[in-house]
Amino acid sequence: MTSHPDDSPGFLLWQVTLRWQRTMTATLAPLDLTHVQFVLLATTWWLNTHGEEPNQLTLARRAVTDIKMTSQVLRKLEEKGLLGRRVDPADTRARRLRVTERGAEVARTAISAVEAADAEFFRRVPDPAALLRVLRPLAVPPDEPAP
């Protein structure tokens, strides 16, 4: 048991996460993107640039997002003209995703902005590689092997 809340890794992670989320919200607001819209757009863009046209389930798994929420957000991104969804010829229930030309431009701009915001946010971390080594195993569900 911890003697003080500041000695709790969970509490500190909560505080850092909230500060970082506020930073992301402010960074993405000028691009008219929420953070989850950014994550799904950027992930789709990255997969597209690597020769993949994912379906919604593949994207949700890759982005670690809820499938129903992913579907709702993708509809919003489609309404904004940032991505297109087409019926998968192999499975008419599935939709294949491709960012539009405008979506690719917004994704690249947003990725640059987020990377700059991340660099500023984490500038006080003395060893960023060590932070990544600590966080990576926590990002994997307990029933899966750590990378």
C-alpha atoms as a PDB file:
ATOM      1  CA  MET A   1       0.000   0.000   0.000  1.00  0.00           C
ATOM      2  CA  THR A   2       1.305   3.445  -0.878  1.00  0.00           C
ATOM      3  CA  SER A   3       1.536   6.094   1.815  1.00  0.00           C
ATOM      4  CA  HIS A   4       0.836   9.024  -0.483  1.00  0.00           C
ATOM      5  CA  PRO A   5      -1.135   9.296  -3.757  1.00  0.00           C
ATOM      6  CA  ASP A   6       1.963  10.650  -5.523  1.00  0.00           C
ATOM      7  CA  ASP A   7       3.656   7.313  -4.764  1.00  0.00           C
ATOM      8  CA  SER A   8       1.015   5.438  -6.779  1.00  0.00           C
ATOM      9  CA  PRO A   9       2.116   4.639 -10.350  1.00  0.00           C
ATOM     10  CA  GLY A  10      -1.539   4.378 -11.400  1.00  0.00           C
ATOM     11  CA  PHE A  11      -2.394   7.800 -10.019  1.00  0.00           C
ATOM     12  CA  LEU A  12       0.665   9.378 -11.636  1.00  0.00           C
ATOM     13  CA  LEU A  13      -0.146   7.681 -14.940  1.00  0.00           C
ATOM     14  CA  TRP A  14      -3.691   9.068 -14.660  1.00  0.00           C
ATOM     15  CA  GLN A  15      -2.363  12.602 -14.119  1.00  0.00           C
ATOM     16  CA  VAL A  16       0.130  12.368 -16.981  1.00  0.00           C
ATOM     17  CA  THR A  17      -2.494  10.865 -19.298  1.00  0.00           C
ATOM     18  CA  LEU A  18      -4.941  13.689 -18.606  1.00  0.00           C
ATOM     19  CA  ARG A  19      -2.270  16.338 -19.234  1.00  0.00           C
ATOM     20  CA  TRP A  20      -1.182  14.601 -22.433  1.00  0.00           C
ATOM     21  CA  GLN A  21      -4.804  14.249 -23.626  1.00  0.00           C
ATOM     22  CA  ARG A  22      -5.358  17.982 -23.102  1.00  0.00           C
ATOM     23  CA  THR A  23      -2.227  18.646 -25.146  1.00  0.00           C
ATOM     24  CA  MET A  24      -3.477  16.395 -27.957  1.00  0.00           C
ATOM     25  CA  THR A  25      -6.919  18.035 -27.909  1.00  0.00           C
ATOM     26  CA  ALA A  26      -5.360  21.499 -28.248  1.00  0.00           C
ATOM     27  CA  THR A  27      -2.961  20.311 -30.953  1.00  0.00           C
ATOM     28  CA  LEU A  28      -5.674  18.703 -33.097  1.00  0.00           C
ATOM     29  CA  ALA A  29      -8.412  21.321 -32.635  1.00  0.00           C
ATOM     30  CA  PRO A  30      -7.122  23.597 -35.447  1.00  0.00           C
ATOM     31  CA  LEU A  31      -7.362  20.587 -37.794  1.00  0.00           C
ATOM     32  CA  ASP A  32     -10.955  19.898 -36.708  1.00  0.00           C
ATOM     33  CA  LEU A  33     -10.011  16.435 -35.443  1.00  0.00           C
ATOM     34  CA  THR A  34     -10.676  14.730 -32.154  1.00  0.00           C
ATOM     35  CA  HIS A  35      -7.888  12.543 -30.831  1.00  0.00           C
ATOM     36  CA  VAL A  36      -9.681   9.313 -31.742  1.00  0.00           C
ATOM     37  CA  GLN A  37     -10.403  10.682 -35.237  1.00  0.00           C
ATOM     38  CA  PHE A  38      -6.693  11.413 -35.564  1.00  0.00           C
ATOM     39  CA  VAL A  39      -5.685   7.935 -34.402  1.00  0.00           C
ATOM     40  CA  LEU A  40      -8.051   6.198 -36.828  1.00  0.00           C
ATOM     41  CA  LEU A  41      -7.200   8.501 -39.740  1.00  0.00           C
ATOM     42  CA  ALA A  42      -3.441   8.254 -39.155  1.00  0.00           C
ATOM     43  CA  THR A  43      -3.581   4.482 -38.701  1.00  0.00           C
ATOM     44  CA  THR A  44      -5.625   4.051 -41.883  1.00  0.00           C
ATOM     45  CA  TRP A  45      -3.239   6.357 -43.762  1.00  0.00           C
ATOM     46  CA  TRP A  46      -0.209   4.421 -42.488  1.00  0.00           C
ATOM     47  CA  LEU A  47      -1.748   1.078 -43.456  1.00  0.00           C
ATOM     48  CA  ASN A  48      -2.711   2.448 -46.895  1.00  0.00           C
ATOM     49  CA  THR A  49       0.850   3.693 -47.483  1.00  0.00           C
ATOM     50  CA  HIS A  50       2.068   0.182 -46.665  1.00  0.00           C
ATOM     51  CA  GLY A  51      -0.170  -1.441 -49.249  1.00  0.00           C
ATOM     52  CA  GLU A  52      -3.074  -2.362 -46.997  1.00  0.00           C
ATOM     53  CA  GLU A  53      -6.705  -1.377 -47.348  1.00  0.00           C
ATOM     54  CA  PRO A  54      -7.963  -2.487 -43.932  1.00  0.00           C
ATOM     55  CA  ASN A  55     -11.502  -3.272 -42.962  1.00  0.00           C
ATOM     56  CA  GLN A  56     -13.016  -1.703 -39.860  1.00  0.00           C
ATOM     57  CA  LEU A  57     -12.214  -4.694 -37.631  1.00  0.00           C
ATOM     58  CA  THR A  58      -8.556  -4.758 -38.696  1.00  0.00           C
ATOM     59  CA  LEU A  59      -8.294  -1.025 -38.087  1.00  0.00           C
ATOM     60  CA  ALA A  60      -9.947  -1.256 -34.660  1.00  0.00           C
ATOM     61  CA  ARG A  61      -7.563  -4.025 -33.614  1.00  0.00           C
ATOM     62  CA  ARG A  62      -4.524  -2.119 -34.880  1.00  0.00           C
ATOM     63  CA  ALA A  63      -5.612   1.121 -33.192  1.00  0.00           C
ATOM     64  CA  VAL A  64      -6.842  -0.730 -30.072  1.00  0.00           C
ATOM     65  CA  THR A  65     -10.274   0.896 -30.266  1.00  0.00           C
ATOM     66  CA  ASP A  66     -13.780  -0.393 -29.665  1.00  0.00           C
ATOM     67  CA  ILE A  67     -15.262  -1.716 -32.923  1.00  0.00           C
ATOM     68  CA  LYS A  68     -18.629   0.061 -32.556  1.00  0.00           C
ATOM     69  CA  MET A  69     -17.001   3.358 -31.673  1.00  0.00           C
ATOM     70  CA  THR A  70     -14.582   2.863 -34.567  1.00  0.00           C
ATOM     71  CA  SER A  71     -17.491   2.487 -36.975  1.00  0.00           C
ATOM     72  CA  GLN A  72     -19.108   5.703 -35.700  1.00  0.00           C
ATOM     73  CA  VAL A  73     -15.868   7.674 -35.952  1.00  0.00           C
ATOM     74  CA  LEU A  74     -15.159   6.337 -39.448  1.00  0.00           C
ATOM     75  CA  ARG A  75     -18.588   7.549 -40.561  1.00  0.00           C
ATOM     76  CA  LYS A  76     -17.689  11.006 -39.262  1.00  0.00           C
ATOM     77  CA  LEU A  77     -14.335  10.937 -41.078  1.00  0.00           C
ATOM     78  CA  GLU A  78     -16.158   9.883 -44.231  1.00  0.00           C
ATOM     79  CA  GLU A  79     -18.629  12.800 -43.812  1.00  0.00           C
ATOM     80  CA  LYS A  80     -15.622  15.135 -43.542  1.00  0.00           C
ATOM     81  CA  GLY A  81     -14.292  13.734 -46.824  1.00  0.00           C
ATOM     82  CA  LEU A  82     -11.144  12.345 -45.203  1.00  0.00           C
ATOM     83  CA  LEU A  83     -11.669   8.683 -46.017  1.00  0.00           C
ATOM     84  CA  GLY A  84     -13.803   6.402 -48.094  1.00  0.00           C
ATOM     85  CA  ARG A  85     -15.392   3.103 -47.184  1.00  0.00           C
ATOM     86  CA  ARG A  86     -16.240   0.585 -49.877  1.00  0.00           C
ATOM     87  CA  VAL A  87     -17.855  -2.820 -49.696  1.00  0.00           C
ATOM     88  CA  ASP A  88     -15.301  -5.616 -49.544  1.00  0.00           C
ATOM     89  CA  PRO A  89     -15.909  -7.839 -52.588  1.00  0.00           C
ATOM     90  CA  ALA A  90     -14.872 -10.897 -50.535  1.00  0.00           C
ATOM     91  CA  ASP A  91     -17.256 -10.091 -47.652  1.00  0.00           C
ATOM     92  CA  THR A  92     -20.187  -7.772 -48.363  1.00  0.00           C
ATOM     93  CA  ARG A  93     -20.634  -7.140 -44.626  1.00  0.00           C
ATOM     94  CA  ALA A  94     -17.149  -5.612 -44.377  1.00  0.00           C
ATOM     95  CA  ARG A  95     -15.996  -2.184 -45.522  1.00  0.00           C
ATOM     96  CA  ARG A  96     -12.509  -1.522 -46.875  1.00  0.00           C
ATOM     97  CA  LEU A  97     -10.958   1.800 -45.880  1.00  0.00           C
ATOM     98  CA  ARG A  98      -8.885   4.225 -47.912  1.00  0.00           C
ATOM     99  CA  VAL A  99      -7.964   7.773 -47.024  1.00  0.00           C
ATOM    100  CA  THR A 100      -8.836  10.386 -49.627  1.00  0.00           C
ATOM    101  CA  GLU A 101      -6.261  12.752 -51.074  1.00  0.00           C
ATOM    102  CA  ARG A 102      -7.482  15.418 -48.658  1.00  0.00           C
ATOM    103  CA  GLY A 103      -7.430  12.858 -45.832  1.00  0.00           C
ATOM    104  CA  ALA A 104      -3.807  11.985 -46.593  1.00  0.00           C
ATOM    105  CA  GLU A 105      -2.889  15.670 -46.476  1.00  0.00           C
ATOM    106  CA  VAL A 106      -4.705  16.152 -43.151  1.00  0.00           C
ATOM    107  CA  ALA A 107      -3.135  12.961 -41.772  1.00  0.00           C
ATOM    108  CA  ARG A 108       0.399  14.080 -42.648  1.00  0.00           C
ATOM    109  CA  THR A 109      -0.212  17.543 -41.160  1.00  0.00           C
ATOM    110  CA  ALA A 110      -1.758  16.069 -38.009  1.00  0.00           C
ATOM    111  CA  ILE A 111       1.037  13.523 -37.570  1.00  0.00           C
ATOM    112  CA  SER A 112       3.641  16.297 -37.775  1.00  0.00           C
ATOM    113  CA  ALA A 113       1.704  18.398 -35.262  1.00  0.00           C
ATOM    114  CA  VAL A 114       1.261  15.483 -32.854  1.00  0.00           C
ATOM    115  CA  GLU A 115       4.921  14.489 -33.113  1.00  0.00           C
ATOM    116  CA  ALA A 116       5.955  18.075 -32.314  1.00  0.00           C
ATOM    117  CA  ALA A 117       3.507  18.202 -29.387  1.00  0.00           C
ATOM    118  CA  ASP A 118       4.815  14.859 -28.126  1.00  0.00           C
ATOM    119  CA  ALA A 119       8.408  16.075 -28.343  1.00  0.00           C
ATOM    120  CA  GLU A 120       7.510  19.177 -26.337  1.00  0.00           C
ATOM    121  CA  PHE A 121       5.390  17.248 -23.818  1.00  0.00           C
ATOM    122  CA  PHE A 122       8.062  14.606 -23.160  1.00  0.00           C
ATOM    123  CA  ARG A 123      11.081  16.937 -23.349  1.00  0.00           C
ATOM    124  CA  ARG A 124      11.686  16.622 -19.595  1.00  0.00           C
ATOM    125  CA  VAL A 125      12.034  12.836 -19.799  1.00  0.00           C
ATOM    126  CA  PRO A 126      15.786  12.209 -19.459  1.00  0.00           C
ATOM    127  CA  ASP A 127      15.769   8.888 -21.345  1.00  0.00           C
ATOM    128  CA  PRO A 128      12.870   8.572 -23.827  1.00  0.00           C
ATOM    129  CA  ALA A 129      14.016   5.086 -24.890  1.00  0.00           C
ATOM    130  CA  ALA A 130      13.753   3.915 -21.267  1.00  0.00           C
ATOM    131  CA  LEU A 131      10.227   5.340 -21.052  1.00  0.00           C
ATOM    132  CA  LEU A 132       9.252   3.364 -24.160  1.00  0.00           C
ATOM    133  CA  ARG A 133      10.741   0.188 -22.631  1.00  0.00           C
ATOM    134  CA  VAL A 134       8.574   0.731 -19.538  1.00  0.00           C
ATOM    135  CA  LEU A 135       5.373   1.534 -21.455  1.00  0.00           C
ATOM    136  CA  ARG A 136       5.525  -1.155 -24.171  1.00  0.00           C
ATOM    137  CA  PRO A 137       4.756  -4.143 -21.933  1.00  0.00           C
ATOM    138  CA  LEU A 138       1.880  -2.204 -20.338  1.00  0.00           C
ATOM    139  CA  ALA A 139       0.296  -1.582 -23.756  1.00  0.00           C
ATOM    140  CA  VAL A 140      -0.077  -5.328 -24.396  1.00  0.00           C
ATOM    141  CA  PRO A 141      -3.042  -7.164 -22.849  1.00  0.00           C
ATOM    142  CA  PRO A 142      -1.920  -9.491 -20.025  1.00  0.00           C
ATOM    143  CA  ASP A 143      -2.875 -12.623 -21.987  1.00  0.00           C
ATOM    144  CA  GLU A 144      -0.613 -11.724 -24.930  1.00  0.00           C
ATOM    145  CA  PRO A 145       3.192 -11.953 -25.008  1.00  0.00           C
ATOM    146  CA  ALA A 146       5.019  -8.630 -24.668  1.00  0.00           C
ATOM    147  CA  PRO A 147       6.951  -7.458 -27.739  1.00  0.00           C
END
